[in-house]
Amino acid sequence: MPSSRLRRSEEKREKRRIVLAISGTIAILAFLGFFGVKLLEGFSLFLDKLRGATPQQQTQNQLILPPVLDPPVEATNSATITISGRGQADLTFILYVNEKEFKKLPVPKDGNVTISNVTLDEGKNSISAKLSDDKGNLSDLSNVVTITVKKGKPDLDVTAPANGSTIFGDKNAVTVSGKTNAENQVTVNDRFVVVRSDGSFEYTATLSPGENTLKIVAFDDAGNQTTVERKVTYQR
């Protein structure tokens, strides 16, 4: 009898502990459901204050998407160029050249921006942009485009044929050979010639009876060019 009463007493206490545990779990879940979001918001506000920014500013920064610049030519021989891109309408478009602010202008309703007469330095130039609103919030940086300004003429050394030479016989052709910068392109009388990795080139030009003018042109990706002419006479 005493042991039976003891077991029943222990079973009652165990049931009471289980009920209390379940009730506590439900209470905790209910508390988190009602107050968890507010606690998270309060913690977020605390972090914003530590960073020195208000929640409104944080939201606005997230809403300002960075502008997009259209890819321009990779190289040019001009000191100025036109840059175009797109951004969020009614914001301010800020253009940077070599990490220095170059110009500000409002973004029109269609979002398309064009800036003419952008001044470049000789050599490599980096172009980028940001957007800002009337509260001074800035977007992240746009894509960065690189433009190289080249003003010097490409090298061109025509080693053959000699100017003023004469070709005799049945073969009405002459070999045009020379050397330029490896990255350049070469034409002979407007026909493209293969430039080897060392800059050398060779081309067989067909001759007409009498005097022939061979026009050899080397040009780079910026549009600079060097021209050499050779006069060759063909007689059968």
Protein backbone atom coordinates (compact mmCIF):
# COMPACT_ATOMS: atom_id res chain seq x y z
CA MET A 1 0.00 0.00 0.00
CA PRO A 2 2.63 2.65 0.91
CA SER A 3 4.59 1.89 -2.30
CA SER A 4 1.41 2.15 -4.38
CA ARG A 5 0.65 5.57 -2.88
CA LEU A 6 4.24 6.65 -3.55
CA ARG A 7 4.04 5.63 -7.21
CA ARG A 8 0.74 7.50 -7.66
CA SER A 9 2.25 10.57 -6.01
CA GLU A 10 5.29 10.42 -8.33
CA GLU A 11 3.05 9.96 -11.38
CA LYS A 12 1.03 13.05 -10.36
CA ARG A 13 4.20 15.10 -9.96
CA GLU A 14 5.50 13.89 -13.36
CA LYS A 15 2.22 14.80 -15.05
CA ARG A 16 2.35 18.22 -13.38
CA ARG A 17 5.90 18.79 -14.69
CA ILE A 18 4.85 17.79 -18.23
CA VAL A 19 1.84 20.15 -18.12
CA LEU A 20 4.03 22.99 -16.82
CA ALA A 21 6.65 22.33 -19.55
CA ILE A 22 4.02 22.37 -22.30
CA SER A 23 2.41 25.50 -20.88
CA GLY A 24 5.81 27.23 -20.68
CA THR A 25 6.64 26.35 -24.28
CA ILE A 26 3.28 27.69 -25.48
CA ALA A 27 3.81 30.90 -23.48
CA ILE A 28 7.29 31.42 -24.98
CA LEU A 29 6.02 30.87 -28.53
CA ALA A 30 3.14 33.27 -27.94
CA PHE A 31 5.55 35.89 -26.55
CA LEU A 32 7.82 35.60 -29.58
CA GLY A 33 4.84 35.74 -31.92
CA PHE A 34 3.57 38.99 -30.40
CA PHE A 35 6.79 40.73 -29.44
CA GLY A 36 9.56 39.08 -31.53
CA VAL A 37 9.13 41.36 -34.57
CA LYS A 38 9.18 44.47 -32.37
CA LEU A 39 12.31 43.24 -30.64
CA LEU A 40 14.01 42.71 -33.99
CA GLU A 41 12.94 46.17 -35.15
CA GLY A 42 14.29 47.69 -31.94
CA PHE A 43 17.59 45.90 -32.40
CA SER A 44 17.77 47.13 -36.01
CA LEU A 45 17.13 50.71 -34.83
CA PHE A 46 19.92 50.32 -32.29
CA LEU A 47 22.35 49.20 -35.01
CA ASP A 48 21.30 52.09 -37.28
CA LYS A 49 22.02 54.58 -34.49
CA LEU A 50 25.45 53.06 -33.98
CA ARG A 51 26.14 53.52 -37.71
CA GLY A 52 24.86 57.12 -37.55
CA ALA A 53 22.07 56.54 -40.10
CA THR A 54 18.30 56.60 -39.74
CA PRO A 55 16.09 53.74 -40.98
CA GLN A 56 14.64 56.09 -43.59
CA GLN A 57 18.11 56.75 -45.00
CA GLN A 58 18.89 53.06 -45.06
CA THR A 59 15.69 52.36 -47.01
CA GLN A 60 16.34 55.14 -49.50
CA ASN A 61 19.90 53.92 -50.14
CA GLN A 62 18.53 50.49 -50.95
CA LEU A 63 16.01 51.98 -53.39
CA ILE A 64 18.65 53.92 -55.39
CA LEU A 65 19.95 51.42 -57.89
CA PRO A 66 23.35 52.22 -59.44
CA PRO A 67 23.31 53.64 -62.99
CA VAL A 68 24.55 51.66 -65.99
CA LEU A 69 27.09 53.05 -68.47
CA ASP A 70 27.00 51.98 -72.11
CA PRO A 71 30.31 50.47 -73.29
CA PRO A 72 32.18 53.08 -75.35
CA VAL A 73 35.05 52.48 -77.77
CA GLU A 74 38.05 50.93 -76.06
CA ALA A 75 40.51 53.37 -77.65
CA THR A 76 40.38 56.75 -79.35
CA ASN A 77 42.73 59.42 -80.65
CA SER A 78 40.41 62.19 -79.47
CA ALA A 79 40.77 64.10 -76.19
CA THR A 80 36.98 64.21 -75.75
CA ILE A 81 34.26 61.59 -75.99
CA THR A 82 30.50 61.19 -75.53
CA ILE A 83 29.32 58.96 -72.66
CA SER A 84 25.81 57.53 -72.45
CA GLY A 85 24.01 55.47 -69.85
CA ARG A 86 20.79 54.87 -67.93
CA GLY A 87 19.56 55.65 -64.44
CA GLN A 88 16.49 56.14 -62.28
CA ALA A 89 14.42 59.11 -63.47
CA ASP A 90 14.31 62.36 -61.47
CA LEU A 91 17.57 61.63 -59.64
CA THR A 92 20.94 63.32 -60.16
CA PHE A 93 23.48 61.58 -62.40
CA ILE A 94 27.09 62.08 -61.27
CA LEU A 95 29.84 61.24 -63.77
CA TYR A 96 33.38 60.48 -62.62
CA VAL A 97 36.49 60.57 -64.81
CA ASN A 98 39.55 58.92 -63.27
CA GLU A 99 37.72 58.88 -59.89
CA LYS A 100 37.16 62.65 -59.95
CA GLU A 101 33.70 64.20 -60.28
CA PHE A 102 33.31 65.53 -63.82
CA LYS A 103 29.67 66.55 -64.18
CA LYS A 104 26.23 66.40 -62.55
CA LEU A 105 22.92 66.47 -64.40
CA PRO A 106 19.31 65.42 -63.76
CA VAL A 107 18.13 62.10 -65.14
CA PRO A 108 15.24 62.70 -67.59
CA LYS A 109 11.91 60.88 -67.45
CA ASP A 110 13.00 58.18 -69.92
CA GLY A 111 16.08 57.40 -67.81
CA ASN A 112 18.55 57.87 -70.68
CA VAL A 113 21.57 60.10 -70.06
CA THR A 114 24.06 61.46 -72.63
CA ILE A 115 27.08 63.59 -71.73
CA SER A 116 29.09 65.15 -74.57
CA ASN A 117 32.63 66.55 -74.53
CA VAL A 118 33.89 64.40 -71.69
CA THR A 119 37.57 65.33 -71.36
CA LEU A 120 40.09 62.49 -71.24
CA ASP A 121 43.79 62.25 -70.40
CA GLU A 122 46.29 60.63 -72.71
CA GLY A 123 46.64 56.97 -71.80
CA LYS A 124 44.08 54.92 -69.85
CA ASN A 125 40.97 56.59 -68.41
CA SER A 126 38.37 55.07 -66.07
CA ILE A 127 34.77 56.28 -66.35
CA SER A 128 32.09 55.59 -63.71
CA ALA A 129 28.92 57.13 -62.27
CA LYS A 130 26.58 57.30 -59.28
CA LEU A 131 23.05 58.53 -58.61
CA SER A 132 21.96 60.81 -55.77
CA ASP A 133 18.59 62.00 -54.48
CA ASP A 134 17.54 65.37 -53.04
CA LYS A 135 18.49 64.18 -49.53
CA GLY A 136 22.09 63.49 -50.53
CA ASN A 137 21.80 59.70 -50.54
CA LEU A 138 24.14 58.03 -53.04
CA SER A 139 23.79 54.81 -55.00
CA ASP A 140 26.56 52.29 -55.36
CA LEU A 141 29.10 52.83 -58.13
CA SER A 142 28.10 51.92 -61.69
CA ASN A 143 30.04 49.61 -63.94
CA VAL A 144 33.48 51.07 -64.69
CA VAL A 145 34.48 51.47 -68.35
CA THR A 146 38.04 52.06 -69.55
CA ILE A 147 39.02 54.19 -72.54
CA THR A 148 42.58 54.54 -73.82
CA VAL A 149 43.62 57.74 -75.60
CA LYS A 150 46.36 57.18 -78.18
CA LYS A 151 47.69 60.14 -80.17
CA GLY A 152 50.94 58.85 -81.67
CA LYS A 153 51.14 57.33 -85.15
CA PRO A 154 51.84 53.59 -85.38
CA ASP A 155 55.21 52.35 -86.56
CA LEU A 156 55.43 51.13 -90.15
CA ASP A 157 58.62 49.93 -91.86
CA VAL A 158 58.14 48.69 -95.44
CA THR A 159 61.19 46.61 -96.36
CA ALA A 160 60.05 45.54 -99.85
CA PRO A 161 59.60 46.41 -102.64
CA ALA A 162 61.99 49.30 -103.12
CA ASN A 163 60.36 52.49 -104.31
CA GLY A 164 60.80 53.00 -108.06
CA SER A 165 61.74 49.37 -108.76
CA THR A 166 60.82 47.56 -112.01
CA ILE A 167 59.56 44.00 -112.39
CA PHE A 168 60.26 42.14 -115.66
CA GLY A 169 58.93 38.82 -116.96
CA ASP A 170 55.75 36.81 -117.04
CA LYS A 171 55.09 37.00 -113.29
CA ASN A 172 53.06 40.18 -112.75
CA ALA A 173 53.33 40.16 -108.93
CA VAL A 174 55.50 41.59 -106.21
CA THR A 175 55.91 40.76 -102.52
CA VAL A 176 55.14 43.56 -100.08
CA SER A 177 56.73 42.99 -96.69
CA GLY A 178 57.49 44.99 -93.60
CA LYS A 179 56.95 45.39 -89.88
CA THR A 180 54.63 47.28 -87.53
CA ASN A 181 53.37 47.01 -83.94
CA ALA A 182 51.94 43.54 -83.33
CA GLU A 183 48.53 44.91 -82.21
CA ASN A 184 48.10 47.00 -85.38
CA GLN A 185 46.30 46.15 -88.60
CA VAL A 186 47.76 46.56 -92.09
CA THR A 187 46.22 46.99 -95.53
CA VAL A 188 47.84 46.97 -98.96
CA ASN A 189 45.70 48.82 -101.50
CA ASP A 190 42.73 48.43 -99.10
CA ARG A 191 43.22 44.68 -98.70
CA PHE A 192 43.81 43.43 -95.15
CA VAL A 193 47.10 41.66 -94.49
CA VAL A 194 47.85 39.22 -91.67
CA VAL A 195 50.14 40.74 -89.03
CA ARG A 196 52.18 38.10 -87.21
CA SER A 197 52.79 38.08 -83.45
CA ASP A 198 56.18 39.75 -83.97
CA GLY A 199 54.60 42.54 -86.05
CA SER A 200 55.90 41.35 -89.41
CA PHE A 201 53.65 41.04 -92.47
CA GLU A 202 53.88 39.87 -96.07
CA TYR A 203 51.53 40.21 -99.03
CA THR A 204 51.69 39.36 -102.73
CA ALA A 205 50.31 42.20 -104.84
CA THR A 206 49.24 41.76 -108.47
CA LEU A 207 50.71 44.30 -110.91
CA SER A 208 49.30 45.83 -114.07
CA PRO A 209 51.50 46.74 -117.06
CA GLY A 210 53.18 50.09 -116.47
CA GLU A 211 53.52 52.00 -113.20
CA ASN A 212 51.70 50.69 -110.12
CA THR A 213 51.14 52.48 -106.80
CA LEU A 214 51.16 50.31 -103.71
CA LYS A 215 49.56 52.01 -100.70
CA ILE A 216 50.50 50.37 -97.40
CA VAL A 217 48.60 51.55 -94.30
CA ALA A 218 49.11 50.57 -90.65
CA PHE A 219 46.45 51.66 -88.16
CA ASP A 220 45.74 51.05 -84.47
CA ASP A 221 42.52 50.56 -82.52
CA ALA A 222 42.34 54.29 -81.76
CA GLY A 223 42.16 55.22 -85.45
CA ASN A 224 45.72 56.52 -85.80
CA GLN A 225 47.38 55.51 -89.05
CA THR A 226 50.66 55.66 -90.94
CA THR A 227 50.80 55.43 -94.74
CA VAL A 228 53.69 54.46 -96.99
CA GLU A 229 53.54 54.37 -100.80
CA ARG A 230 55.75 52.42 -103.19
CA LYS A 231 55.90 52.95 -106.96
CA VAL A 232 56.59 49.74 -108.91
CA THR A 233 56.70 49.40 -112.70
CA TYR A 234 55.84 46.14 -114.44
CA GLN A 235 57.16 45.26 -117.90
CA ARG A 236 56.73 41.98 -119.71
